[in-house]
């Protein structure tokens, strides 16, 4: 599980795939319209201790969003 934080909104999502450079996140269809290519968002991966990454939206396909981590993007 994860949260995709856009502005002040936290959207519940599911991490489909994650690597050193980015992630693919499955999103509910109802929120797709609020996400745009090039947006800067925070991906909060919900592990034992949540981990936050600053990301750029690089792909939007159906119910998946492709995110590219901004270099040195892990934030507290």
Protein backbone atom coordinates (compact mmCIF):
# COMPACT_ATOMS: atom_id res chain seq x y z
CA UNK A 1 0.00 0.00 0.00
CA UNK A 2 0.99 3.61 -0.52
CA UNK A 3 -0.33 7.13 -0.63
CA UNK A 4 0.19 9.44 -3.56
CA UNK A 5 0.28 12.97 -2.18
CA UNK A 6 -0.66 15.69 -4.64
CA UNK A 7 -0.79 19.11 -3.06
CA UNK A 8 -2.69 18.57 0.19
CA UNK A 9 -4.57 15.45 -0.98
CA UNK A 10 -3.42 11.97 0.02
CA UNK A 11 -4.74 9.29 -2.34
CA UNK A 12 -4.68 5.61 -1.33
CA UNK A 13 -2.95 3.52 -4.01
CA UNK A 14 -1.08 0.26 -4.48
CA UNK A 15 2.59 -0.01 -5.49
CA UNK A 16 2.69 -2.36 -8.48
CA UNK A 17 6.44 -2.18 -9.08
CA UNK A 18 9.34 -0.26 -7.55
CA UNK A 19 13.00 0.10 -8.54
CA UNK A 20 15.95 2.37 -7.79
CA UNK A 21 14.74 4.96 -10.30
CA UNK A 22 10.97 4.93 -9.95
CA UNK A 23 7.71 3.13 -9.34
CA UNK A 24 4.49 2.04 -11.00
CA UNK A 25 1.42 2.73 -8.88
CA UNK A 26 -2.11 1.40 -9.39
CA UNK A 27 -4.66 4.15 -8.79
CA UNK A 28 -8.45 4.20 -8.53
CA UNK A 29 -10.00 5.32 -11.83
CA UNK A 30 -11.87 8.09 -10.02
CA UNK A 31 -8.66 10.03 -9.26
CA UNK A 32 -6.96 9.69 -12.64
CA UNK A 33 -8.23 13.09 -13.80
CA UNK A 34 -6.38 14.85 -10.98
CA UNK A 35 -2.96 13.56 -12.07
CA UNK A 36 -1.05 15.05 -15.02
CA UNK A 37 2.23 14.31 -16.79
CA UNK A 38 5.04 16.32 -15.26
CA UNK A 39 3.32 16.76 -11.88
CA UNK A 40 5.62 16.60 -8.87
CA UNK A 41 4.12 14.36 -6.19
CA UNK A 42 5.18 12.57 -3.03
CA UNK A 43 4.95 8.78 -2.91
CA UNK A 44 4.53 7.57 0.66
CA UNK A 45 5.26 3.83 0.76
CA UNK A 46 3.59 2.33 3.81
CA UNK A 47 6.07 -0.14 5.30
CA UNK A 48 6.79 -0.79 8.98
CA UNK A 49 8.07 2.77 8.93
CA UNK A 50 6.66 4.90 6.07
CA UNK A 51 9.16 6.05 3.42
CA UNK A 52 8.50 9.19 1.34
CA UNK A 53 9.87 9.85 -2.16
CA UNK A 54 9.63 13.02 -4.21
CA UNK A 55 8.58 11.94 -7.73
CA UNK A 56 7.67 13.22 -11.17
CA UNK A 57 4.73 11.71 -13.07
CA UNK A 58 6.17 10.32 -16.33
CA UNK A 59 3.41 8.00 -17.55
CA UNK A 60 -0.35 7.65 -17.15
CA UNK A 61 -1.90 4.47 -18.55
CA UNK A 62 -5.40 3.31 -17.64
CA UNK A 63 -5.26 2.68 -13.88
CA UNK A 64 -1.44 2.93 -13.52
CA UNK A 65 0.81 5.92 -13.00
CA UNK A 66 4.54 5.78 -13.74
CA UNK A 67 6.70 7.77 -11.34
CA UNK A 68 10.34 8.73 -11.66
CA UNK A 69 12.15 9.46 -8.41
CA UNK A 70 13.72 12.90 -8.23
CA UNK A 71 17.45 12.42 -7.51
CA UNK A 72 18.13 12.12 -3.77
CA UNK A 73 14.38 12.21 -3.28
CA UNK A 74 13.86 10.27 -0.08
CA UNK A 75 12.35 12.74 2.37
CA UNK A 76 11.37 12.48 6.02
